[in-house]
Amino acid sequence: MGSHMFHTPHLVDRTVGAVKRWPVESQQRARRNAMIASTALAQRRAELDDVEEFLAALGGAPVPEVAAHAAHG
C-alpha cells in the first residue's frame, strides 16, 4: 500500500506536466508543418516558372496560356 501511494503523485505530476506542455508542442508542430508546406509550394511555383520560361523561349504557347496549363497540372 505504501508504494502505491508513492507512485500516485508522480503519475499526477507527469500527467499535469503533459497537459500543460500540449498546447505549446501542438503549436510548434503546426508551425513546422506549415513551414514545410510553404517551402514545398514555393519550390513547385519556382519549377512551374522555370517550365513556363523554357516553353516560352521555345516559341510555344504564349506565357499566360502555358502558366494556366501548368497551374492545373
N, C-alpha and C. Protein backbone atom coordinates (compact mmCIF):
# COMPACT_ATOMS: atom_id res chain seq x y z
N MET A 1 0.82 -1.18 0.00
CA MET A 1 0.00 0.00 0.00
C MET A 1 0.87 1.25 0.00
N GLY A 2 1.97 1.23 0.73
CA GLY A 2 2.83 2.39 0.81
C GLY A 2 3.47 2.73 -0.53
N SER A 3 3.87 1.73 -1.32
CA SER A 3 4.49 2.01 -2.61
C SER A 3 3.47 2.56 -3.60
N HIS A 4 2.21 2.16 -3.49
CA HIS A 4 1.16 2.69 -4.37
C HIS A 4 0.97 4.18 -4.11
N MET A 5 1.03 4.58 -2.88
CA MET A 5 0.86 5.99 -2.52
C MET A 5 2.04 6.81 -3.06
N PHE A 6 3.22 6.22 -3.12
CA PHE A 6 4.39 6.93 -3.60
C PHE A 6 4.29 7.22 -5.10
N HIS A 7 3.77 6.29 -5.88
CA HIS A 7 3.70 6.43 -7.34
C HIS A 7 2.57 7.35 -7.80
N THR A 8 1.52 7.48 -7.06
CA THR A 8 0.38 8.29 -7.49
C THR A 8 0.73 9.76 -7.68
N PRO A 9 1.41 10.44 -6.76
CA PRO A 9 1.75 11.85 -7.00
C PRO A 9 2.65 12.03 -8.23
N HIS A 10 3.56 11.09 -8.43
CA HIS A 10 4.45 11.16 -9.59
C HIS A 10 3.64 11.05 -10.89
N LEU A 11 2.69 10.14 -10.92
CA LEU A 11 1.84 9.96 -12.09
C LEU A 11 1.01 11.22 -12.34
N VAL A 12 0.48 11.79 -11.29
CA VAL A 12 -0.31 13.02 -11.42
C VAL A 12 0.57 14.15 -11.93
N ASP A 13 1.77 14.30 -11.39
CA ASP A 13 2.69 15.35 -11.83
C ASP A 13 3.04 15.18 -13.32
N ARG A 14 3.30 13.96 -13.74
CA ARG A 14 3.62 13.70 -15.15
C ARG A 14 2.44 14.04 -16.04
N THR A 15 1.24 13.66 -15.61
CA THR A 15 0.04 13.93 -16.40
C THR A 15 -0.22 15.43 -16.50
N VAL A 16 -0.13 16.12 -15.39
CA VAL A 16 -0.34 17.57 -15.39
C VAL A 16 0.72 18.24 -16.27
N GLY A 17 1.94 17.80 -16.17
CA GLY A 17 3.01 18.37 -17.00
C GLY A 17 2.73 18.17 -18.48
N ALA A 18 2.29 16.97 -18.85
CA ALA A 18 1.97 16.69 -20.25
C ALA A 18 0.82 17.56 -20.74
N VAL A 19 -0.18 17.74 -19.92
CA VAL A 19 -1.34 18.58 -20.29
C VAL A 19 -0.91 20.03 -20.46
N LYS A 20 -0.01 20.50 -19.61
CA LYS A 20 0.46 21.89 -19.71
C LYS A 20 1.34 22.10 -20.95
N ARG A 21 2.12 21.09 -21.33
CA ARG A 21 3.01 21.22 -22.49
C ARG A 21 2.27 21.04 -23.81
N TRP A 22 1.14 20.38 -23.80
CA TRP A 22 0.46 20.02 -25.03
C TRP A 22 0.17 21.22 -25.95
N PRO A 23 -0.40 22.33 -25.48
CA PRO A 23 -0.71 23.42 -26.41
C PRO A 23 0.54 24.00 -27.09
N VAL A 24 1.62 24.12 -26.34
CA VAL A 24 2.86 24.67 -26.90
C VAL A 24 3.43 23.71 -27.93
N GLU A 25 3.50 22.44 -27.58
CA GLU A 25 4.06 21.45 -28.50
C GLU A 25 3.18 21.30 -29.74
N SER A 26 1.88 21.38 -29.56
CA SER A 26 0.96 21.29 -30.68
C SER A 26 1.15 22.46 -31.63
N GLN A 27 1.28 23.66 -31.09
CA GLN A 27 1.51 24.86 -31.91
C GLN A 27 2.84 24.76 -32.65
N GLN A 28 3.86 24.26 -31.99
CA GLN A 28 5.17 24.12 -32.64
C GLN A 28 5.09 23.13 -33.80
N ARG A 29 4.38 22.02 -33.61
CA ARG A 29 4.21 21.05 -34.70
C ARG A 29 3.44 21.66 -35.86
N ALA A 30 2.39 22.41 -35.55
CA ALA A 30 1.58 23.05 -36.60
C ALA A 30 2.42 24.05 -37.38
N ARG A 31 3.24 24.84 -36.69
CA ARG A 31 4.10 25.81 -37.36
C ARG A 31 5.12 25.11 -38.25
N ARG A 32 5.68 24.02 -37.76
CA ARG A 32 6.66 23.26 -38.56
C ARG A 32 6.00 22.70 -39.80
N ASN A 33 4.81 22.12 -39.65
CA ASN A 33 4.10 21.58 -40.81
C ASN A 33 3.78 22.67 -41.82
N ALA A 34 3.38 23.85 -41.35
CA ALA A 34 3.07 24.95 -42.24
C ALA A 34 4.32 25.41 -43.00
N MET A 35 5.46 25.46 -42.32
CA MET A 35 6.70 25.85 -42.97
C MET A 35 7.11 24.84 -44.05
N ILE A 36 6.94 23.57 -43.74
CA ILE A 36 7.27 22.53 -44.72
C ILE A 36 6.37 22.66 -45.94
N ALA A 37 5.07 22.85 -45.72
CA ALA A 37 4.13 23.00 -46.83
C ALA A 37 4.44 24.25 -47.64
N SER A 38 4.76 25.34 -46.97
CA SER A 38 5.08 26.59 -47.66
C SER A 38 6.32 26.43 -48.53
N THR A 39 7.32 25.74 -48.00
CA THR A 39 8.55 25.50 -48.76
C THR A 39 8.27 24.65 -49.99
N ALA A 40 7.47 23.61 -49.82
CA ALA A 40 7.13 22.74 -50.96
C ALA A 40 6.38 23.52 -52.03
N LEU A 41 5.45 24.37 -51.61
CA LEU A 41 4.69 25.17 -52.59
C LEU A 41 5.60 26.16 -53.30
N ALA A 42 6.51 26.77 -52.59
CA ALA A 42 7.43 27.72 -53.21
C ALA A 42 8.32 27.01 -54.23
N GLN A 43 8.78 25.81 -53.90
CA GLN A 43 9.60 25.05 -54.84
C GLN A 43 8.80 24.69 -56.09
N ARG A 44 7.55 24.29 -55.89
CA ARG A 44 6.70 23.94 -57.04
C ARG A 44 6.46 25.16 -57.91
N ARG A 45 6.19 26.31 -57.28
CA ARG A 45 5.99 27.55 -58.04
C ARG A 45 7.23 27.89 -58.85
N ALA A 46 8.40 27.76 -58.25
CA ALA A 46 9.65 28.06 -58.96
C ALA A 46 9.84 27.11 -60.14
N GLU A 47 9.54 25.83 -59.95
CA GLU A 47 9.65 24.86 -61.04
C GLU A 47 8.69 25.21 -62.17
N LEU A 48 7.46 25.59 -61.81
CA LEU A 48 6.48 25.96 -62.84
C LEU A 48 6.94 27.20 -63.59
N ASP A 49 7.53 28.16 -62.89
CA ASP A 49 8.06 29.35 -63.55
C ASP A 49 9.16 28.98 -64.54
N ASP A 50 10.04 28.06 -64.12
CA ASP A 50 11.13 27.61 -65.00
C ASP A 50 10.57 26.96 -66.26
N VAL A 51 9.57 26.10 -66.09
CA VAL A 51 8.97 25.42 -67.24
C VAL A 51 8.29 26.44 -68.15
N GLU A 52 7.58 27.37 -67.55
CA GLU A 52 6.90 28.42 -68.31
C GLU A 52 7.91 29.21 -69.16
N GLU A 53 9.00 29.61 -68.54
CA GLU A 53 10.02 30.37 -69.26
C GLU A 53 10.66 29.53 -70.36
N PHE A 54 10.93 28.28 -70.09
CA PHE A 54 11.54 27.40 -71.07
C PHE A 54 10.62 27.23 -72.28
N LEU A 55 9.35 26.94 -72.02
CA LEU A 55 8.41 26.75 -73.13
C LEU A 55 8.21 28.04 -73.91
N ALA A 56 8.16 29.17 -73.23
CA ALA A 56 8.01 30.44 -73.91
C ALA A 56 9.23 30.72 -74.80
N ALA A 57 10.42 30.36 -74.32
CA ALA A 57 11.65 30.57 -75.09
C ALA A 57 11.68 29.68 -76.32
N LEU A 58 11.04 28.53 -76.27
CA LEU A 58 10.98 27.64 -77.43
C LEU A 58 10.00 28.14 -78.48
N GLY A 59 9.25 29.17 -78.13
CA GLY A 59 8.27 29.71 -79.08
C GLY A 59 6.98 28.94 -79.05
N GLY A 60 6.71 28.29 -77.94
CA GLY A 60 5.47 27.54 -77.80
C GLY A 60 4.31 28.46 -77.52
N ALA A 61 3.43 28.01 -76.71
CA ALA A 61 2.23 28.78 -76.38
C ALA A 61 2.60 30.08 -75.68
N PRO A 62 1.76 31.08 -75.79
CA PRO A 62 2.03 32.33 -75.05
C PRO A 62 2.14 32.06 -73.56
N VAL A 63 2.91 32.89 -72.88
CA VAL A 63 3.20 32.69 -71.46
C VAL A 63 1.94 32.50 -70.60
N PRO A 64 0.90 33.35 -70.71
CA PRO A 64 -0.28 33.13 -69.84
C PRO A 64 -0.94 31.77 -70.07
N GLU A 65 -0.95 31.30 -71.31
CA GLU A 65 -1.56 30.00 -71.61
C GLU A 65 -0.73 28.87 -71.01
N VAL A 66 0.58 28.98 -71.09
CA VAL A 66 1.46 27.97 -70.50
C VAL A 66 1.28 27.96 -68.99
N ALA A 67 1.22 29.13 -68.40
CA ALA A 67 1.08 29.23 -66.94
C ALA A 67 -0.24 28.62 -66.49
N ALA A 68 -1.31 28.87 -67.21
CA ALA A 68 -2.62 28.31 -66.84
C ALA A 68 -2.59 26.79 -66.94
N HIS A 69 -1.97 26.27 -67.96
CA HIS A 69 -1.88 24.82 -68.11
C HIS A 69 -1.02 24.20 -67.01
N ALA A 70 0.10 24.83 -66.71
CA ALA A 70 1.00 24.31 -65.68
C ALA A 70 0.34 24.35 -64.31
N ALA A 71 -0.44 25.39 -64.05
CA ALA A 71 -1.08 25.54 -62.74
C ALA A 71 -2.13 24.46 -62.51
N HIS A 72 -2.70 23.93 -63.56
CA HIS A 72 -3.77 22.93 -63.41
C HIS A 72 -3.27 21.52 -63.66
N GLY A 73 -1.97 21.35 -63.70
CA GLY A 73 -1.43 20.02 -63.78
C GLY A 73 -1.08 19.62 -65.15
